[in-house]
Amino acid sequence: MRIVDLFEDTQNIVAIYPGRFHPFHKGHAAVYRWLTKKFNRVYIATSGKVDPPRSPFTFAEKKQMMVHAGVPADAIVQTKSPYRATEITDQFDPDSTAVVFAVSEKDMAENPRFQFGPKKDGSPSYLQPYGSTLEPLSQHGYIIATPTFDFTVLGEPMRSATELRANFAAADSETQARMIKDLYGEYDKTIHKIMASKITG
């Protein structure tokens, strides 16, 4: 079964934004909003794996950050493997629904996570670049490259989550509060408490 013209009824496309999100911030939220302008059904997929210092936050803590950044709670799904996200795709008819996974242009350029060439037996790989023709998720999934929405923290460009966590751990409480306002557009005491307790030097 081939579905053409990008599913003229976009209700038949499920877009999934997978990631670790340690922490989630307004740059991620901007990607989510960009996706909602292209697709009717958009979910954020992230795991509950905690492995400090690189992955300090639980799923519930990340969800709280996402909601504070403006993401609807029902769009946030805990998944064992975010780049498969069967907890989401299993909710839909695999023969009449297409699935699109969102990956930033920066990540695709600097550290490509997906190879679109044929498998060893010569058959096409499951994941393919997003284009003008889609097949249902029973046949293929698609990767769409999203813009990277840059912003500053304390006047400096945010380059990586690792750098952010290191700077946060080294900051005093007042500076941390300013960082949180930059990260989300608005200060939140509970998120400050979570980050202060989980991000260590």
N, C-alpha and C. Protein backbone atom coordinates (compact mmCIF):
# COMPACT_ATOMS: atom_id res chain seq x y z
N MET A 1 0.85 -1.19 0.00
CA MET A 1 0.00 0.00 0.00
C MET A 1 0.88 1.24 0.00
N ARG A 2 0.71 2.11 -0.96
CA ARG A 2 1.50 3.34 -1.05
C ARG A 2 0.59 4.53 -0.83
N ILE A 3 1.02 5.43 0.00
CA ILE A 3 0.24 6.63 0.28
C ILE A 3 1.02 7.81 -0.24
N VAL A 4 0.43 8.57 -1.16
CA VAL A 4 1.17 9.61 -1.87
C VAL A 4 0.76 10.99 -1.41
N ASP A 5 1.48 11.98 -1.92
CA ASP A 5 1.18 13.39 -1.68
C ASP A 5 1.15 13.73 -0.20
N LEU A 6 2.10 13.16 0.55
CA LEU A 6 2.27 13.49 1.96
C LEU A 6 0.98 13.31 2.77
N PHE A 7 0.17 12.32 2.39
CA PHE A 7 -1.09 12.11 3.09
C PHE A 7 -1.89 13.42 3.08
N GLU A 8 -2.63 13.63 2.04
CA GLU A 8 -3.36 14.89 1.92
C GLU A 8 -4.16 15.18 3.18
N ASP A 9 -4.70 14.15 3.82
CA ASP A 9 -5.31 14.32 5.13
C ASP A 9 -4.23 14.09 6.17
N THR A 10 -3.68 15.16 6.73
CA THR A 10 -2.55 15.01 7.65
C THR A 10 -2.95 14.36 8.96
N GLN A 11 -4.23 14.09 9.15
CA GLN A 11 -4.65 13.33 10.33
C GLN A 11 -4.03 11.93 10.30
N ASN A 12 -3.61 11.48 9.12
CA ASN A 12 -3.05 10.14 8.98
C ASN A 12 -1.54 10.11 9.19
N ILE A 13 -0.96 11.23 9.59
CA ILE A 13 0.46 11.27 9.89
C ILE A 13 0.66 11.52 11.38
N VAL A 14 1.51 10.71 12.00
CA VAL A 14 1.88 10.91 13.40
C VAL A 14 3.33 11.38 13.42
N ALA A 15 3.57 12.54 14.00
CA ALA A 15 4.92 13.07 14.13
C ALA A 15 5.41 12.85 15.55
N ILE A 16 6.62 12.34 15.68
CA ILE A 16 7.20 12.03 16.99
C ILE A 16 8.53 12.76 17.13
N TYR A 17 8.67 13.47 18.22
CA TYR A 17 9.90 14.20 18.52
C TYR A 17 10.60 13.46 19.65
N PRO A 18 11.58 12.60 19.32
CA PRO A 18 12.24 11.80 20.35
C PRO A 18 13.50 12.49 20.90
N GLY A 19 13.86 12.16 22.11
CA GLY A 19 15.09 12.72 22.64
C GLY A 19 15.29 12.39 24.11
N ARG A 20 16.48 12.75 24.61
CA ARG A 20 16.82 12.53 26.02
C ARG A 20 16.30 13.68 26.87
N PHE A 21 16.52 14.93 26.43
CA PHE A 21 15.99 16.13 27.08
C PHE A 21 16.43 16.26 28.54
N HIS A 22 17.75 16.39 28.72
CA HIS A 22 18.30 16.57 30.08
C HIS A 22 19.07 17.89 30.16
N PRO A 23 18.42 19.02 30.31
CA PRO A 23 16.99 19.20 30.51
C PRO A 23 16.26 19.60 29.23
N PHE A 24 14.94 19.53 29.24
CA PHE A 24 14.11 20.11 28.20
C PHE A 24 14.12 21.62 28.40
N HIS A 25 14.08 22.38 27.27
CA HIS A 25 14.13 23.84 27.38
C HIS A 25 13.35 24.46 26.21
N LYS A 26 13.36 25.79 26.15
CA LYS A 26 12.52 26.46 25.17
C LYS A 26 12.99 26.26 23.73
N GLY A 27 14.25 25.87 23.52
CA GLY A 27 14.69 25.51 22.18
C GLY A 27 13.98 24.26 21.70
N HIS A 28 13.85 23.28 22.60
CA HIS A 28 13.08 22.07 22.28
C HIS A 28 11.61 22.41 22.06
N ALA A 29 11.09 23.28 22.91
CA ALA A 29 9.68 23.67 22.77
C ALA A 29 9.42 24.33 21.43
N ALA A 30 10.39 25.09 20.93
CA ALA A 30 10.24 25.74 19.62
C ALA A 30 10.18 24.70 18.51
N VAL A 31 10.95 23.62 18.64
CA VAL A 31 10.88 22.53 17.67
C VAL A 31 9.49 21.89 17.71
N TYR A 32 8.99 21.64 18.91
CA TYR A 32 7.64 21.06 19.05
C TYR A 32 6.61 21.95 18.36
N ARG A 33 6.67 23.26 18.58
CA ARG A 33 5.69 24.16 17.96
C ARG A 33 5.84 24.16 16.44
N TRP A 34 7.09 24.09 15.95
CA TRP A 34 7.33 24.02 14.50
C TRP A 34 6.65 22.78 13.91
N LEU A 35 6.76 21.68 14.61
CA LEU A 35 6.13 20.45 14.14
C LEU A 35 4.61 20.55 14.14
N THR A 36 4.03 21.21 15.15
CA THR A 36 2.57 21.31 15.21
C THR A 36 2.01 22.17 14.07
N LYS A 37 2.86 22.99 13.45
CA LYS A 37 2.40 23.77 12.31
C LYS A 37 2.39 22.94 11.03
N LYS A 38 3.09 21.81 11.05
CA LYS A 38 3.15 20.94 9.88
C LYS A 38 2.26 19.72 10.01
N PHE A 39 2.06 19.25 11.24
CA PHE A 39 1.33 18.00 11.47
C PHE A 39 0.26 18.19 12.55
N ASN A 40 -0.83 17.47 12.42
CA ASN A 40 -1.92 17.58 13.39
C ASN A 40 -1.67 16.79 14.66
N ARG A 41 -0.93 15.69 14.54
CA ARG A 41 -0.66 14.85 15.70
C ARG A 41 0.83 14.84 15.97
N VAL A 42 1.23 15.47 17.05
CA VAL A 42 2.65 15.57 17.39
C VAL A 42 2.85 15.12 18.84
N TYR A 43 3.80 14.22 19.03
CA TYR A 43 4.11 13.71 20.36
C TYR A 43 5.59 13.90 20.66
N ILE A 44 5.90 14.06 21.94
CA ILE A 44 7.29 14.02 22.39
C ILE A 44 7.51 12.69 23.08
N ALA A 45 8.55 11.98 22.65
CA ALA A 45 8.87 10.66 23.20
C ALA A 45 10.20 10.73 23.94
N THR A 46 10.18 10.31 25.19
CA THR A 46 11.42 10.29 25.97
C THR A 46 11.34 9.17 26.99
N SER A 47 12.48 8.66 27.39
CA SER A 47 12.49 7.53 28.31
C SER A 47 12.55 8.01 29.76
N GLY A 48 12.44 7.06 30.67
CA GLY A 48 12.58 7.36 32.08
C GLY A 48 13.94 6.98 32.62
N LYS A 49 14.88 6.70 31.73
CA LYS A 49 16.21 6.26 32.16
C LYS A 49 16.94 7.38 32.88
N VAL A 50 17.45 7.05 34.06
CA VAL A 50 18.23 8.00 34.85
C VAL A 50 19.64 7.45 34.99
N ASP A 51 20.62 8.24 34.56
CA ASP A 51 22.02 7.80 34.60
C ASP A 51 22.90 9.04 34.79
N PRO A 52 22.97 9.56 36.04
CA PRO A 52 23.75 10.77 36.29
C PRO A 52 25.22 10.54 35.97
N PRO A 53 25.94 11.61 35.60
CA PRO A 53 25.47 13.00 35.53
C PRO A 53 24.87 13.39 34.19
N ARG A 54 25.02 12.55 33.17
CA ARG A 54 24.57 12.93 31.83
C ARG A 54 23.04 12.90 31.70
N SER A 55 22.41 11.99 32.41
CA SER A 55 20.95 11.86 32.33
C SER A 55 20.35 11.87 33.73
N PRO A 56 20.27 13.03 34.36
CA PRO A 56 19.89 13.07 35.77
C PRO A 56 18.39 13.07 36.06
N PHE A 57 17.55 13.34 35.06
CA PHE A 57 16.14 13.59 35.34
C PHE A 57 15.25 12.39 35.05
N THR A 58 14.25 12.18 35.90
CA THR A 58 13.25 11.15 35.67
C THR A 58 12.29 11.62 34.58
N PHE A 59 11.48 10.69 34.09
CA PHE A 59 10.47 11.08 33.10
C PHE A 59 9.53 12.12 33.69
N ALA A 60 9.07 11.92 34.92
CA ALA A 60 8.14 12.87 35.53
C ALA A 60 8.73 14.26 35.64
N GLU A 61 10.02 14.34 35.94
CA GLU A 61 10.68 15.64 36.04
C GLU A 61 10.80 16.30 34.68
N LYS A 62 11.15 15.52 33.66
CA LYS A 62 11.23 16.09 32.31
C LYS A 62 9.85 16.54 31.83
N LYS A 63 8.84 15.76 32.16
CA LYS A 63 7.48 16.13 31.76
C LYS A 63 7.08 17.46 32.40
N GLN A 64 7.46 17.67 33.65
CA GLN A 64 7.14 18.93 34.31
C GLN A 64 7.81 20.10 33.60
N MET A 65 9.05 19.90 33.16
CA MET A 65 9.75 20.95 32.41
C MET A 65 9.05 21.21 31.07
N MET A 66 8.62 20.15 30.40
CA MET A 66 7.95 20.29 29.11
C MET A 66 6.65 21.06 29.25
N VAL A 67 5.87 20.72 30.27
CA VAL A 67 4.60 21.41 30.48
C VAL A 67 4.85 22.88 30.79
N HIS A 68 5.87 23.17 31.59
CA HIS A 68 6.21 24.56 31.90
C HIS A 68 6.62 25.32 30.65
N ALA A 69 7.21 24.61 29.68
CA ALA A 69 7.63 25.23 28.42
C ALA A 69 6.48 25.35 27.43
N GLY A 70 5.28 24.88 27.81
CA GLY A 70 4.11 25.07 26.96
C GLY A 70 3.65 23.86 26.18
N VAL A 71 4.23 22.68 26.45
CA VAL A 71 3.82 21.46 25.74
C VAL A 71 2.63 20.84 26.46
N PRO A 72 1.55 20.49 25.76
CA PRO A 72 0.41 19.84 26.42
C PRO A 72 0.82 18.51 27.05
N ALA A 73 0.32 18.25 28.24
CA ALA A 73 0.69 17.03 28.96
C ALA A 73 0.37 15.77 28.19
N ASP A 74 -0.74 15.77 27.44
CA ASP A 74 -1.14 14.55 26.73
C ASP A 74 -0.30 14.30 25.47
N ALA A 75 0.59 15.24 25.13
CA ALA A 75 1.49 15.04 23.99
C ALA A 75 2.83 14.44 24.41
N ILE A 76 3.01 14.20 25.71
CA ILE A 76 4.28 13.72 26.25
C ILE A 76 4.13 12.26 26.66
N VAL A 77 4.96 11.39 26.06
CA VAL A 77 4.80 9.96 26.27
C VAL A 77 6.13 9.33 26.70
N GLN A 78 6.07 8.54 27.77
CA GLN A 78 7.26 7.80 28.19
C GLN A 78 7.41 6.57 27.32
N THR A 79 8.60 6.42 26.74
CA THR A 79 8.86 5.29 25.85
C THR A 79 10.17 4.62 26.24
N LYS A 80 10.23 3.34 26.03
CA LYS A 80 11.46 2.60 26.33
C LYS A 80 12.56 2.97 25.34
N SER A 81 12.19 3.06 24.07
CA SER A 81 13.13 3.43 23.01
C SER A 81 12.51 4.58 22.21
N PRO A 82 12.87 5.84 22.53
CA PRO A 82 12.22 6.99 21.89
C PRO A 82 12.26 7.00 20.37
N TYR A 83 13.32 6.41 19.78
CA TYR A 83 13.42 6.43 18.32
C TYR A 83 12.68 5.26 17.66
N ARG A 84 11.99 4.48 18.49
CA ARG A 84 11.03 3.49 17.99
C ARG A 84 9.63 3.87 18.42
N ALA A 85 9.50 4.22 19.70
CA ALA A 85 8.26 4.80 20.24
C ALA A 85 7.03 3.95 19.95
N THR A 86 7.16 2.64 20.15
CA THR A 86 6.01 1.76 19.90
C THR A 86 4.85 2.06 20.85
N GLU A 87 5.15 2.66 22.01
CA GLU A 87 4.08 3.04 22.92
C GLU A 87 3.14 4.05 22.28
N ILE A 88 3.65 4.79 21.28
CA ILE A 88 2.82 5.73 20.53
C ILE A 88 2.27 5.07 19.27
N THR A 89 3.15 4.48 18.47
CA THR A 89 2.71 3.97 17.17
C THR A 89 1.71 2.82 17.29
N ASP A 90 1.77 2.07 18.39
CA ASP A 90 0.83 0.96 18.57
C ASP A 90 -0.61 1.42 18.74
N GLN A 91 -0.80 2.72 18.95
CA GLN A 91 -2.16 3.26 19.11
C GLN A 91 -2.85 3.48 17.76
N PHE A 92 -2.10 3.32 16.66
CA PHE A 92 -2.63 3.68 15.35
C PHE A 92 -2.62 2.49 14.40
N ASP A 93 -3.49 2.55 13.41
CA ASP A 93 -3.55 1.51 12.39
C ASP A 93 -2.26 1.55 11.57
N PRO A 94 -1.46 0.47 11.60
CA PRO A 94 -0.17 0.50 10.92
C PRO A 94 -0.27 0.53 9.40
N ASP A 95 -1.43 0.22 8.86
CA ASP A 95 -1.58 0.19 7.41
C ASP A 95 -2.22 1.45 6.83
N SER A 96 -2.62 2.38 7.71
CA SER A 96 -3.22 3.61 7.18
C SER A 96 -2.64 4.86 7.85
N THR A 97 -1.57 4.67 8.61
CA THR A 97 -0.95 5.79 9.31
C THR A 97 0.54 5.84 8.98
N ALA A 98 1.04 7.01 8.68
CA ALA A 98 2.47 7.20 8.46
C ALA A 98 3.09 7.78 9.73
N VAL A 99 4.36 7.44 9.98
CA VAL A 99 5.05 7.97 11.15
C VAL A 99 6.29 8.73 10.71
N VAL A 100 6.47 9.91 11.31
CA VAL A 100 7.60 10.78 11.01
C VAL A 100 8.33 11.09 12.31
N PHE A 101 9.64 10.83 12.34
CA PHE A 101 10.46 11.14 13.51
C PHE A 101 11.24 12.43 13.23
N ALA A 102 11.27 13.32 14.21
CA ALA A 102 11.93 14.61 14.05
C ALA A 102 13.33 14.58 14.65
N VAL A 103 14.31 15.00 13.87
CA VAL A 103 15.70 15.10 14.32
C VAL A 103 16.23 16.46 13.85
N SER A 104 16.98 17.15 14.69
CA SER A 104 17.43 18.48 14.32
C SER A 104 18.43 18.43 13.17
N GLU A 105 18.41 19.49 12.36
CA GLU A 105 19.37 19.60 11.25
C GLU A 105 20.80 19.54 11.79
N LYS A 106 21.03 20.15 12.95
CA LYS A 106 22.37 20.17 13.54
C LYS A 106 22.83 18.76 13.86
N ASP A 107 21.96 17.96 14.49
CA ASP A 107 22.33 16.58 14.83
C ASP A 107 22.56 15.75 13.58
N MET A 108 21.74 15.94 12.57
CA MET A 108 21.89 15.18 11.34
C MET A 108 23.20 15.54 10.64
N ALA A 109 23.64 16.79 10.77
CA ALA A 109 24.87 17.22 10.10
C ALA A 109 26.11 16.82 10.89
N GLU A 110 26.05 16.96 12.23
CA GLU A 110 27.23 16.73 13.05
C GLU A 110 27.40 15.28 13.48
N ASN A 111 26.28 14.60 13.71
CA ASN A 111 26.34 13.22 14.22
C ASN A 111 25.17 12.42 13.66
N PRO A 112 25.22 12.10 12.36
CA PRO A 112 24.08 11.40 11.74
C PRO A 112 23.77 10.09 12.48
N ARG A 113 22.53 9.97 12.89
CA ARG A 113 22.13 8.79 13.66
C ARG A 113 21.47 7.73 12.78
N PHE A 114 21.20 8.08 11.53
CA PHE A 114 20.44 7.18 10.69
C PHE A 114 21.11 7.02 9.33
N GLN A 115 21.13 5.79 8.86
CA GLN A 115 21.62 5.47 7.53
C GLN A 115 20.43 5.04 6.69
N PHE A 116 20.28 5.67 5.53
CA PHE A 116 19.11 5.39 4.71
C PHE A 116 19.39 4.42 3.57
N GLY A 117 20.61 3.88 3.52
CA GLY A 117 20.95 2.95 2.46
C GLY A 117 20.26 1.60 2.65
N PRO A 118 20.40 0.71 1.66
CA PRO A 118 19.75 -0.60 1.75
C PRO A 118 20.37 -1.47 2.82
N LYS A 119 19.57 -2.40 3.31
CA LYS A 119 20.06 -3.38 4.29
C LYS A 119 20.96 -4.39 3.58
N LYS A 120 21.54 -5.29 4.37
CA LYS A 120 22.49 -6.27 3.81
C LYS A 120 21.85 -7.12 2.73
N ASP A 121 20.56 -7.39 2.84
CA ASP A 121 19.90 -8.22 1.83
C ASP A 121 19.45 -7.41 0.61
N GLY A 122 19.77 -6.12 0.60
CA GLY A 122 19.43 -5.28 -0.53
C GLY A 122 18.09 -4.58 -0.43
N SER A 123 17.30 -4.93 0.56
CA SER A 123 15.99 -4.30 0.72
C SER A 123 16.15 -2.92 1.39
N PRO A 124 15.20 -2.02 1.18
CA PRO A 124 15.32 -0.67 1.76
C PRO A 124 15.28 -0.72 3.29
N SER A 125 16.04 0.16 3.93
CA SER A 125 15.97 0.25 5.38
C SER A 125 14.61 0.78 5.79
N TYR A 126 14.23 0.49 7.03
CA TYR A 126 12.91 0.92 7.50
C TYR A 126 12.78 2.44 7.50
N LEU A 127 13.77 3.13 8.06
CA LEU A 127 13.72 4.58 8.12
C LEU A 127 14.23 5.18 6.81
N GLN A 128 13.47 6.16 6.32
CA GLN A 128 13.80 6.84 5.07
C GLN A 128 13.66 8.35 5.27
N PRO A 129 14.32 9.15 4.43
CA PRO A 129 14.15 10.60 4.54
C PRO A 129 12.70 11.00 4.24
N TYR A 130 12.22 11.98 4.95
CA TYR A 130 10.88 12.51 4.71
C TYR A 130 10.86 13.19 3.35
N GLY A 131 9.86 12.85 2.54
CA GLY A 131 9.78 13.42 1.21
C GLY A 131 8.36 13.51 0.72
N SER A 132 8.20 13.51 -0.59
CA SER A 132 6.87 13.75 -1.18
C SER A 132 5.99 12.52 -1.20
N THR A 133 6.55 11.35 -0.93
CA THR A 133 5.78 10.12 -0.93
C THR A 133 6.02 9.36 0.37
N LEU A 134 4.94 8.97 1.00
CA LEU A 134 5.03 8.24 2.25
C LEU A 134 4.31 6.90 2.15
N GLU A 135 4.83 5.91 2.85
CA GLU A 135 4.15 4.64 3.00
C GLU A 135 3.75 4.50 4.46
N PRO A 136 2.80 3.63 4.75
CA PRO A 136 2.34 3.49 6.14
C PRO A 136 3.43 2.92 7.03
N LEU A 137 3.25 3.10 8.34
CA LEU A 137 4.29 2.72 9.29
C LEU A 137 4.54 1.21 9.32
N SER A 138 3.65 0.43 8.78
CA SER A 138 3.91 -1.00 8.66
C SER A 138 5.03 -1.27 7.66
N GLN A 139 5.31 -0.30 6.77
CA GLN A 139 6.34 -0.46 5.75
C GLN A 139 7.58 0.38 6.03
N HIS A 140 7.38 1.64 6.38
CA HIS A 140 8.51 2.55 6.60
C HIS A 140 8.16 3.61 7.64
N GLY A 141 9.21 4.14 8.27
CA GLY A 141 9.11 5.36 9.05
C GLY A 141 10.00 6.39 8.39
N TYR A 142 9.79 7.66 8.72
CA TYR A 142 10.49 8.74 8.02
C TYR A 142 11.17 9.69 9.00
N ILE A 143 12.30 10.25 8.57
CA ILE A 143 13.04 11.21 9.37
C ILE A 143 12.90 12.59 8.75
N ILE A 144 12.41 13.55 9.54
CA ILE A 144 12.33 14.93 9.08
C ILE A 144 13.36 15.75 9.87
N ALA A 145 14.14 16.54 9.17
CA ALA A 145 15.14 17.40 9.82
C ALA A 145 14.47 18.70 10.22
N THR A 146 14.61 19.06 11.49
CA THR A 146 13.97 20.27 12.00
C THR A 146 15.00 21.39 12.16
N PRO A 147 14.57 22.63 12.12
CA PRO A 147 15.49 23.73 12.39
C PRO A 147 16.03 23.64 13.82
N THR A 148 17.20 24.21 14.05
CA THR A 148 17.73 24.36 15.39
C THR A 148 17.44 25.78 15.85
N PHE A 149 16.67 25.91 16.91
CA PHE A 149 16.28 27.23 17.40
C PHE A 149 17.24 27.66 18.50
N ASP A 150 18.14 28.53 18.15
CA ASP A 150 19.18 28.98 19.08
C ASP A 150 18.64 30.02 20.05
N PHE A 151 19.19 30.04 21.24
CA PHE A 151 18.88 31.08 22.20
C PHE A 151 20.04 31.18 23.18
N THR A 152 20.01 32.21 24.00
CA THR A 152 21.12 32.45 24.91
C THR A 152 20.73 32.14 26.35
N VAL A 153 21.73 31.81 27.15
CA VAL A 153 21.57 31.64 28.60
C VAL A 153 22.59 32.56 29.26
N LEU A 154 22.09 33.51 30.02
CA LEU A 154 22.95 34.53 30.64
C LEU A 154 23.79 35.26 29.59
N GLY A 155 23.18 35.50 28.44
CA GLY A 155 23.83 36.26 27.39
C GLY A 155 24.75 35.48 26.48
N GLU A 156 24.91 34.19 26.75
CA GLU A 156 25.79 33.36 25.93
C GLU A 156 24.97 32.31 25.19
N PRO A 157 25.34 32.00 23.94
CA PRO A 157 24.62 30.95 23.21
C PRO A 157 24.67 29.63 23.95
N MET A 158 23.55 28.90 23.98
CA MET A 158 23.55 27.59 24.61
C MET A 158 24.06 26.58 23.59
N ARG A 159 25.23 26.02 23.83
CA ARG A 159 25.87 25.16 22.85
C ARG A 159 25.55 23.68 23.06
N SER A 160 25.39 23.28 24.31
CA SER A 160 25.11 21.86 24.57
C SER A 160 24.52 21.70 25.96
N ALA A 161 23.83 20.58 26.15
CA ALA A 161 23.27 20.28 27.47
C ALA A 161 24.37 20.03 28.49
N THR A 162 25.49 19.45 28.04
CA THR A 162 26.61 19.19 28.95
C THR A 162 27.15 20.50 29.51
N GLU A 163 27.34 21.48 28.62
CA GLU A 163 27.84 22.79 29.06
C GLU A 163 26.83 23.47 29.98
N LEU A 164 25.55 23.36 29.63
CA LEU A 164 24.51 23.95 30.46
C LEU A 164 24.52 23.37 31.87
N ARG A 165 24.59 22.04 31.96
CA ARG A 165 24.57 21.41 33.29
C ARG A 165 25.80 21.82 34.10
N ALA A 166 26.95 21.91 33.45
CA ALA A 166 28.17 22.30 34.16
C ALA A 166 28.05 23.73 34.68
N ASN A 167 27.54 24.64 33.85
CA ASN A 167 27.39 26.02 34.26
C ASN A 167 26.37 26.17 35.38
N PHE A 168 25.30 25.38 35.29
CA PHE A 168 24.26 25.44 36.32
C PHE A 168 24.79 24.96 37.66
N ALA A 169 25.54 23.86 37.63
CA ALA A 169 26.09 23.30 38.87
C ALA A 169 27.04 24.27 39.55
N ALA A 170 27.75 25.08 38.76
CA ALA A 170 28.74 26.00 39.31
C ALA A 170 28.13 27.32 39.77
N ALA A 171 26.87 27.57 39.44
CA ALA A 171 26.25 28.85 39.72
C ALA A 171 25.63 28.91 41.11
N ASP A 172 25.52 30.11 41.66
CA ASP A 172 24.80 30.27 42.92
C ASP A 172 23.30 30.27 42.64
N SER A 173 22.50 30.27 43.70
CA SER A 173 21.06 30.11 43.54
C SER A 173 20.43 31.23 42.72
N GLU A 174 20.88 32.46 42.93
CA GLU A 174 20.33 33.59 42.19
C GLU A 174 20.64 33.48 40.70
N THR A 175 21.85 33.07 40.38
CA THR A 175 22.23 32.90 38.97
C THR A 175 21.47 31.74 38.35
N GLN A 176 21.29 30.66 39.10
CA GLN A 176 20.49 29.54 38.61
C GLN A 176 19.07 29.99 38.26
N ALA A 177 18.49 30.84 39.09
CA ALA A 177 17.14 31.33 38.83
C ALA A 177 17.09 32.10 37.52
N ARG A 178 18.10 32.91 37.26
CA ARG A 178 18.17 33.65 36.00
C ARG A 178 18.33 32.69 34.82
N MET A 179 19.11 31.63 35.01
CA MET A 179 19.29 30.63 33.96
C MET A 179 17.96 29.96 33.63
N ILE A 180 17.19 29.63 34.65
CA ILE A 180 15.91 28.97 34.43
C ILE A 180 14.96 29.89 33.66
N LYS A 181 14.97 31.18 33.99
CA LYS A 181 14.13 32.12 33.24
C LYS A 181 14.54 32.14 31.77
N ASP A 182 15.86 32.11 31.49
CA ASP A 182 16.32 32.07 30.11
C ASP A 182 15.93 30.77 29.41
N LEU A 183 15.95 29.67 30.15
CA LEU A 183 15.65 28.36 29.56
C LEU A 183 14.18 28.19 29.20
N TYR A 184 13.30 28.84 29.97
CA TYR A 184 11.87 28.61 29.79
C TYR A 184 11.06 29.86 29.50
N GLY A 185 11.68 31.03 29.63
CA GLY A 185 10.96 32.26 29.43
C GLY A 185 10.27 32.76 30.68
N GLU A 186 10.22 31.90 31.70
CA GLU A 186 9.58 32.25 32.96
C GLU A 186 10.16 31.39 34.06
N TYR A 187 10.39 31.99 35.21
CA TYR A 187 10.96 31.25 36.35
C TYR A 187 9.93 30.31 36.95
N ASP A 188 10.40 29.17 37.44
CA ASP A 188 9.54 28.22 38.15
C ASP A 188 10.31 27.65 39.34
N LYS A 189 9.79 27.84 40.53
CA LYS A 189 10.48 27.44 41.75
C LYS A 189 10.66 25.93 41.83
N THR A 190 9.65 25.17 41.42
CA THR A 190 9.73 23.71 41.51
C THR A 190 10.80 23.17 40.57
N ILE A 191 10.85 23.70 39.35
CA ILE A 191 11.86 23.26 38.40
C ILE A 191 13.26 23.64 38.89
N HIS A 192 13.37 24.79 39.51
CA HIS A 192 14.65 25.20 40.10
C HIS A 192 15.08 24.16 41.15
N LYS A 193 14.15 23.75 41.98
CA LYS A 193 14.46 22.77 43.03
C LYS A 193 14.89 21.44 42.41
N ILE A 194 14.21 21.00 41.37
CA ILE A 194 14.54 19.75 40.69
C ILE A 194 15.95 19.82 40.10
N MET A 195 16.21 20.90 39.38
CA MET A 195 17.50 21.02 38.70
C MET A 195 18.64 21.18 39.70
N ALA A 196 18.40 21.93 40.77
CA ALA A 196 19.44 22.13 41.77
C ALA A 196 19.80 20.83 42.49
N SER A 197 18.80 19.95 42.66
CA SER A 197 19.04 18.70 43.36
C SER A 197 19.64 17.62 42.47
N LYS A 198 19.40 17.73 41.15
CA LYS A 198 19.83 16.69 40.23
C LYS A 198 21.09 17.02 39.45
N ILE A 199 21.36 18.30 39.23
CA ILE A 199 22.55 18.69 38.47
C ILE A 199 23.66 18.98 39.44
N THR A 200 24.68 18.16 39.42
CA THR A 200 25.81 18.32 40.33
C THR A 200 27.08 18.55 39.53
N GLY A 201 28.10 19.03 40.20
CA GLY A 201 29.35 19.35 39.51
C GLY A 201 30.07 18.12 39.04
